[in-house]
Amino acid sequence: MCLLTVCFLTAFLGVYAGAAEKKGAAPKKEKAAEAAKETSGDSQKNTTESTTFQPLRIVGGIPDTLPIPGDARPYAESRYAKEIDRALAFMVFKCRESGRWIWYVLLDYLQRQYDLPERYSFEFTASNVVMTEENDLRDRLLRMSDPAFMLPLEKIEESSGAEYFLQRALYCKDYPIEDELVAQMADFVADESNYVVSPVAFAAVIMRQSQCVANTRNYMRLRGTLGVLYRERLTKEGIQNAFSAEALAMLKLLKYEKMLQENWLPEAVSYQNEDGGWADVFRRSNPGSSAPRATLFMLWAMLQDAMPDVEEVPLLKPGAVAEGEAAEVIKSP
């Protein structure tokens, strides 16, 4: 079970993100651009200018040729390039877990952050989403991928806990956040009974990137409490589950990469399953089925390792709503 999905997700994607686009994005950095030209063999060349996909043969839910011919690989020089290829393939071609749309939203962020091919982007529109009876739950996070979507504050106020904090961060430009709310977030993370903290970690990053909060004592306490929590769990519990993968990625996102030990990521990578994913519980013998939560965070951590100097882009996808202009308020049924 994945942290965000356990808390508040039941909607699922009807059409996977990889089928939509037909050409790779150009890397931002010169080093990334050179890496994108690397080949996995004499016959595989970078074809980011091509407008057509080569036909893919899918075996066991995954392309039988990896890396995918024609796809740019800005991470080609990484020590984990092959593992990244396999993880990307799992997320786009094989992952079919209910509620997986949230992981596609985050994969879309990775595509923007690391200039991955456009097949990993995700345009969230009503036409490519199969909605369940739990539309209300889905709507609470729709802003992550649809900047024009808007929930009224009274609807957000119906939520509680980690979900509420994330929603307030998603709409912090529309509904300003008081320092007291940041203090409540820090208290929530400090409470050991609240094991699920990823929504609050995302909220902390979004508020910083959106410049919705000042660098107050409460914000520093929130960020510091999250960093210590992730580090302590890795230190005490070791590399053993999807939370370990989350911690590896989130520590860098929170700007606490110095808290990471050099052996943690290699050990976590070693638990990759044959299909390219990671199970929610890491085991050498009788490994469990690959899951999107663990796989997405492991992919994130490997890309961070591959391109540590890439310029940060916002978690929230840029939208067409002009600064200071209110988006249309869409009331959930």
Protein backbone atom coordinates (compact mmCIF):
# COMPACT_ATOMS: atom_id res chain seq x y z
CA MET A 1 0.00 0.00 0.00
CA CYS A 2 1.33 3.43 -0.83
CA LEU A 3 1.42 6.32 1.59
CA LEU A 4 -0.57 8.82 -0.43
CA THR A 5 -2.95 6.18 -1.76
CA VAL A 6 -3.65 4.81 1.73
CA CYS A 7 -4.58 8.30 2.88
CA PHE A 8 -6.79 9.70 0.23
CA LEU A 9 -6.64 8.24 -3.27
CA THR A 10 -9.02 5.92 -5.08
CA ALA A 11 -9.23 7.40 -8.57
CA PHE A 12 -7.30 5.62 -11.30
CA LEU A 13 -5.99 6.36 -14.75
CA GLY A 14 -7.75 5.12 -17.85
CA VAL A 15 -5.01 5.78 -20.40
CA TYR A 16 -1.37 5.53 -19.39
CA ALA A 17 0.82 8.56 -19.84
CA GLY A 18 3.33 7.01 -22.20
CA ALA A 19 1.03 6.65 -25.21
CA ALA A 20 0.40 10.34 -25.78
CA GLU A 21 3.55 12.06 -27.01
CA LYS A 22 5.99 11.23 -29.77
CA LYS A 23 9.23 12.99 -29.13
CA GLY A 24 11.76 13.39 -26.32
CA ALA A 25 12.52 16.62 -24.49
CA ALA A 26 15.88 18.32 -24.83
CA PRO A 27 18.02 18.33 -21.67
CA LYS A 28 18.81 21.68 -19.98
CA LYS A 29 22.46 21.06 -19.11
CA GLU A 30 25.27 20.52 -21.61
CA LYS A 31 26.30 17.40 -19.76
CA ALA A 32 22.76 16.06 -19.95
CA ALA A 33 22.65 16.89 -23.66
CA GLU A 34 25.84 14.95 -24.27
CA ALA A 35 24.55 12.04 -22.19
CA ALA A 36 21.36 12.00 -24.22
CA LYS A 37 23.43 11.21 -27.30
CA GLU A 38 24.92 8.11 -25.70
CA THR A 39 23.83 4.80 -27.13
CA SER A 40 23.27 1.43 -25.57
CA GLY A 41 24.73 -0.17 -28.71
CA ASP A 42 25.91 0.72 -32.18
CA SER A 43 22.38 0.49 -33.53
CA GLN A 44 20.72 2.77 -30.95
CA LYS A 45 21.01 6.50 -31.63
CA ASN A 46 19.35 9.44 -29.96
CA THR A 47 16.47 10.63 -32.14
CA THR A 48 14.92 13.46 -30.15
CA GLU A 49 14.10 15.29 -33.39
CA SER A 50 12.13 12.38 -34.79
CA THR A 51 8.36 12.67 -34.73
CA THR A 52 7.59 8.97 -34.87
CA PHE A 53 7.89 6.09 -32.43
CA GLN A 54 9.42 2.86 -33.52
CA PRO A 55 7.01 -0.03 -32.91
CA LEU A 56 7.49 -1.60 -29.49
CA ARG A 57 7.16 -5.28 -28.76
CA ILE A 58 5.71 -5.74 -25.28
CA VAL A 59 6.66 -8.89 -23.39
CA GLY A 60 5.32 -9.43 -19.88
CA GLY A 61 3.93 -5.90 -19.87
CA ILE A 62 7.31 -4.31 -20.63
CA PRO A 63 9.09 -3.42 -23.93
CA ASP A 64 11.43 -6.27 -24.89
CA THR A 65 14.14 -3.76 -25.88
CA LEU A 66 15.51 -1.37 -23.27
CA PRO A 67 16.43 1.39 -23.49
CA ILE A 68 13.55 2.16 -25.82
CA PRO A 69 15.01 2.89 -29.27
CA GLY A 70 14.88 6.57 -30.10
CA ASP A 71 14.28 7.80 -26.55
CA ALA A 72 16.61 10.43 -25.13
CA ARG A 73 18.51 9.29 -22.03
CA PRO A 74 19.82 12.38 -20.20
CA TYR A 75 20.85 10.01 -17.39
CA ALA A 76 22.93 7.79 -19.71
CA GLU A 77 26.15 8.34 -17.76
CA SER A 78 24.56 7.32 -14.48
CA ARG A 79 25.77 4.24 -12.64
CA TYR A 80 22.07 3.30 -12.53
CA ALA A 81 21.17 4.03 -16.18
CA LYS A 82 19.90 0.49 -16.83
CA GLU A 83 17.91 0.44 -13.60
CA ILE A 84 16.33 3.78 -14.53
CA ASP A 85 15.38 2.41 -17.97
CA ARG A 86 13.62 -0.53 -16.35
CA ALA A 87 11.88 1.57 -13.69
CA LEU A 88 10.53 4.00 -16.29
CA ALA A 89 9.24 1.10 -18.38
CA PHE A 90 7.49 -0.40 -15.35
CA MET A 91 5.77 2.85 -14.43
CA VAL A 92 4.44 3.55 -17.91
CA PHE A 93 3.77 0.13 -19.40
CA LYS A 94 3.11 -2.28 -16.57
CA CYS A 95 1.76 -0.35 -13.58
CA ARG A 96 -2.01 -0.78 -13.43
CA GLU A 97 -2.71 -0.38 -9.72
CA SER A 98 -5.93 1.36 -8.74
CA GLY A 99 -5.23 4.95 -7.72
CA ARG A 100 -2.08 5.06 -9.82
CA TRP A 101 -2.89 8.45 -11.35
CA ILE A 102 -1.14 10.21 -8.45
CA TRP A 103 2.08 8.40 -9.35
CA TYR A 104 1.67 9.48 -12.96
CA VAL A 105 1.32 13.07 -11.74
CA LEU A 106 4.64 12.70 -9.92
CA LEU A 107 6.19 10.94 -12.92
CA ASP A 108 5.13 13.96 -14.96
CA TYR A 109 7.11 16.09 -12.52
CA LEU A 110 10.18 13.89 -13.01
CA GLN A 111 9.78 14.28 -16.77
CA ARG A 112 9.85 18.06 -16.38
CA GLN A 113 12.62 18.09 -13.79
CA TYR A 114 14.99 15.78 -15.66
CA ASP A 115 13.99 16.38 -19.30
CA LEU A 116 12.84 12.83 -19.87
CA PRO A 117 11.10 11.91 -23.14
CA GLU A 118 7.57 13.22 -23.54
CA ARG A 119 6.12 9.73 -23.25
CA TYR A 120 6.49 10.18 -19.47
CA SER A 121 4.47 13.42 -19.32
CA PHE A 122 0.87 13.44 -18.22
CA GLU A 123 -1.77 15.91 -19.33
CA PHE A 124 -4.59 15.43 -16.84
CA THR A 125 -7.90 16.08 -18.60
CA ALA A 126 -11.35 14.64 -18.18
CA SER A 127 -10.96 12.79 -21.47
CA ASN A 128 -8.12 10.57 -20.24
CA VAL A 129 -9.33 9.84 -16.74
CA VAL A 130 -11.72 7.12 -15.69
CA MET A 131 -13.54 8.59 -12.72
CA THR A 132 -14.85 6.44 -9.93
CA GLU A 133 -17.61 7.13 -7.44
CA GLU A 134 -14.89 8.74 -5.29
CA ASN A 135 -14.64 11.85 -7.46
CA ASP A 136 -14.51 14.01 -4.37
CA LEU A 137 -11.26 12.42 -3.20
CA ARG A 138 -9.71 12.74 -6.64
CA ASP A 139 -10.69 16.40 -6.92
CA ARG A 140 -8.83 17.28 -3.76
CA LEU A 141 -5.49 16.66 -5.47
CA LEU A 142 -6.34 17.52 -9.06
CA ARG A 143 -4.54 20.86 -8.73
CA MET A 144 -1.20 19.04 -8.77
CA SER A 145 -1.48 18.42 -12.49
CA ASP A 146 -4.19 20.86 -13.58
CA PRO A 147 -3.25 24.43 -12.57
CA ALA A 148 -6.63 25.76 -13.72
CA PHE A 149 -8.58 23.50 -11.38
CA MET A 150 -9.85 25.21 -8.25
CA LEU A 151 -11.60 24.06 -5.10
CA PRO A 152 -13.36 26.53 -2.80
CA LEU A 153 -11.75 26.99 0.60
CA GLU A 154 -14.81 25.64 2.38
CA LYS A 155 -14.39 22.35 0.52
CA ILE A 156 -10.74 22.13 1.52
CA GLU A 157 -11.68 22.83 5.13
CA GLU A 158 -13.67 19.59 5.19
CA SER A 159 -10.40 17.64 5.06
CA SER A 160 -8.10 16.92 7.98
CA GLY A 161 -4.58 15.88 8.89
CA ALA A 162 -1.90 15.39 6.24
CA GLU A 163 -4.43 15.63 3.40
CA TYR A 164 -5.60 19.03 4.62
CA PHE A 165 -2.04 20.37 4.86
CA LEU A 166 -1.23 19.29 1.31
CA GLN A 167 -4.40 20.85 -0.08
CA ARG A 168 -3.66 24.15 1.63
CA ALA A 169 -0.17 24.13 0.11
CA LEU A 170 -1.57 23.36 -3.35
CA TYR A 171 -3.77 26.46 -3.10
CA CYS A 172 -1.44 28.67 -1.05
CA LYS A 173 -1.39 31.35 -3.76
CA ASP A 174 -5.17 31.53 -3.68
CA TYR A 175 -5.76 31.07 0.05
CA PRO A 176 -2.79 32.52 2.00
CA ILE A 177 -1.24 30.39 4.73
CA GLU A 178 -0.71 31.76 8.23
CA ASP A 179 2.39 30.90 10.21
CA GLU A 180 0.20 29.13 12.77
CA LEU A 181 -0.80 26.57 10.14
CA VAL A 182 2.88 25.89 9.44
CA ALA A 183 3.33 25.30 13.17
CA GLN A 184 0.48 22.77 13.06
CA MET A 185 2.24 20.95 10.21
CA ALA A 186 5.43 20.74 12.25
CA ASP A 187 3.51 19.42 15.26
CA PHE A 188 1.85 16.80 13.07
CA VAL A 189 5.21 15.50 11.82
CA ALA A 190 6.65 15.50 15.34
CA ASP A 191 3.79 13.31 16.59
CA GLU A 192 5.14 9.75 16.31
CA SER A 193 1.64 8.35 15.90
CA ASN A 194 1.43 10.01 12.47
CA TYR A 195 3.47 7.59 10.37
CA VAL A 196 2.29 8.96 7.02
CA VAL A 197 4.18 12.23 6.44
CA SER A 198 4.76 12.37 2.67
CA PRO A 199 1.80 14.75 2.04
CA VAL A 200 3.26 17.16 4.59
CA ALA A 201 6.73 16.85 3.05
CA PHE A 202 5.28 17.71 -0.35
CA ALA A 203 3.41 20.61 1.26
CA ALA A 204 6.66 21.96 2.72
CA VAL A 205 8.37 21.85 -0.68
CA ILE A 206 5.42 23.38 -2.53
CA MET A 207 5.14 26.26 -0.05
CA ARG A 208 8.86 27.02 -0.45
CA GLN A 209 8.79 26.80 -4.24
CA SER A 210 5.62 28.93 -4.44
CA GLN A 211 7.06 31.47 -1.99
CA CYS A 212 3.92 31.20 0.10
CA VAL A 213 5.73 31.23 3.43
CA ALA A 214 8.65 33.15 4.85
CA ASN A 215 11.65 31.40 6.33
CA THR A 216 10.10 31.63 9.78
CA ARG A 217 11.05 29.64 12.84
CA ASN A 218 7.99 27.44 12.33
CA TYR A 219 8.89 26.71 8.70
CA MET A 220 12.46 25.86 9.67
CA ARG A 221 11.06 23.59 12.40
CA LEU A 222 8.77 21.88 9.89
CA ARG A 223 11.57 21.29 7.40
CA GLY A 224 14.01 20.21 10.10
CA THR A 225 11.54 17.83 11.74
CA LEU A 226 10.87 16.16 8.40
CA GLY A 227 14.58 15.81 7.68
CA VAL A 228 15.37 14.29 11.07
CA LEU A 229 12.40 11.93 10.82
CA TYR A 230 13.48 10.57 7.45
CA ARG A 231 17.11 10.23 8.56
CA GLU A 232 16.24 8.54 11.85
CA ARG A 233 13.96 5.99 10.24
CA LEU A 234 16.62 5.12 7.67
CA THR A 235 19.23 4.83 10.40
CA LYS A 236 17.12 2.77 12.79
CA GLU A 237 15.07 0.67 10.38
CA GLY A 238 17.54 0.34 7.52
CA ILE A 239 16.69 -0.07 3.85
CA GLN A 240 13.68 -2.34 4.01
CA ASN A 241 10.55 -0.90 2.41
CA ALA A 242 8.84 1.76 0.32
CA PHE A 243 9.26 4.30 3.09
CA SER A 244 13.03 3.86 2.70
CA ALA A 245 12.69 4.79 -0.98
CA GLU A 246 10.55 7.79 -0.07
CA ALA A 247 13.12 8.97 2.48
CA LEU A 248 15.98 8.71 -0.02
CA ALA A 249 14.15 10.96 -2.48
CA MET A 250 12.57 13.37 -0.01
CA LEU A 251 15.77 14.15 1.89
CA LYS A 252 17.28 15.57 -1.28
CA LEU A 253 14.08 17.37 -2.20
CA LEU A 254 14.10 18.97 1.26
CA LYS A 255 17.76 20.00 0.71
CA TYR A 256 19.10 17.55 3.30
CA GLU A 257 21.26 15.44 0.99
CA LYS A 258 24.11 15.60 3.52
CA MET A 259 22.03 13.40 5.83
CA LEU A 260 22.24 10.52 3.35
CA GLN A 261 24.75 7.72 3.81
CA GLU A 262 26.61 6.56 0.70
CA ASN A 263 25.58 2.92 1.07
CA TRP A 264 21.83 3.54 1.34
CA LEU A 265 20.99 4.12 -2.32
CA PRO A 266 23.09 1.24 -3.73
CA GLU A 267 21.49 -1.13 -1.25
CA ALA A 268 17.98 0.03 -2.12
CA VAL A 269 18.67 -0.24 -5.87
CA SER A 270 19.78 -3.84 -5.39
CA TYR A 271 16.22 -4.84 -4.49
CA GLN A 272 14.87 -4.03 -7.96
CA ASN A 273 12.60 -6.75 -9.34
CA GLU A 274 12.99 -8.32 -12.77
CA ASP A 275 10.09 -6.28 -14.14
CA GLY A 276 11.85 -3.03 -13.23
CA GLY A 277 9.83 -2.16 -10.14
CA TRP A 278 10.29 -2.44 -6.41
CA ALA A 279 7.95 -4.14 -3.96
CA ASP A 280 6.62 -2.19 -1.00
CA VAL A 281 8.69 -4.50 1.23
CA PHE A 282 12.28 -5.18 0.16
CA ARG A 283 13.28 -8.86 0.34
CA ARG A 284 16.05 -10.93 -1.24
CA SER A 285 14.04 -14.15 -1.27
CA ASN A 286 10.43 -14.34 -2.37
CA PRO A 287 10.22 -10.65 -3.34
CA GLY A 288 6.75 -9.22 -3.51
CA SER A 289 5.05 -7.78 -6.56
CA SER A 290 6.34 -4.46 -7.80
CA ALA A 291 4.35 -1.45 -6.62
CA PRO A 292 4.15 2.11 -7.99
CA ARG A 293 4.87 3.89 -4.72
CA ALA A 294 8.20 2.20 -4.05
CA THR A 295 9.16 2.28 -7.73
CA LEU A 296 8.37 5.96 -8.21
CA PHE A 297 10.44 7.03 -5.21
CA MET A 298 13.34 4.76 -6.20
CA LEU A 299 13.24 6.19 -9.73
CA TRP A 300 13.27 9.67 -8.22
CA ALA A 301 16.26 8.89 -5.99
CA MET A 302 18.24 7.39 -8.90
CA LEU A 303 17.56 10.41 -11.11
CA GLN A 304 18.68 12.71 -8.29
CA ASP A 305 21.89 10.71 -8.11
CA ALA A 306 22.31 10.78 -11.89
CA MET A 307 21.79 14.54 -12.32
CA PRO A 308 22.50 16.24 -8.99
CA ASP A 309 23.12 19.69 -10.50
CA VAL A 310 20.00 20.03 -12.63
CA GLU A 311 18.06 23.24 -12.02
CA GLU A 312 15.02 22.72 -9.79
CA VAL A 313 11.58 23.12 -11.36
CA PRO A 314 8.37 23.49 -9.31
CA LEU A 315 6.41 20.44 -8.23
CA LEU A 316 3.22 22.15 -9.40
CA LYS A 317 2.93 22.19 -13.16
CA PRO A 318 2.98 25.73 -14.57
CA GLY A 319 -0.46 26.82 -15.68
CA ALA A 320 -2.21 29.29 -17.88
CA VAL A 321 -3.72 31.20 -14.97
CA ALA A 322 -1.98 34.55 -14.76
CA GLU A 323 -0.46 35.65 -11.48
CA GLY A 324 -3.06 37.44 -9.43
CA GLU A 325 -5.89 36.08 -11.60
CA ALA A 326 -8.26 33.70 -9.88
CA ALA A 327 -8.83 30.34 -11.48
CA GLU A 328 -12.35 29.13 -12.04
CA VAL A 329 -13.82 27.60 -8.93
CA ILE A 330 -15.10 24.13 -9.67
CA LYS A 331 -17.46 22.78 -7.06
CA SER A 332 -17.27 19.06 -6.50
CA PRO A 333 -20.56 17.15 -6.70
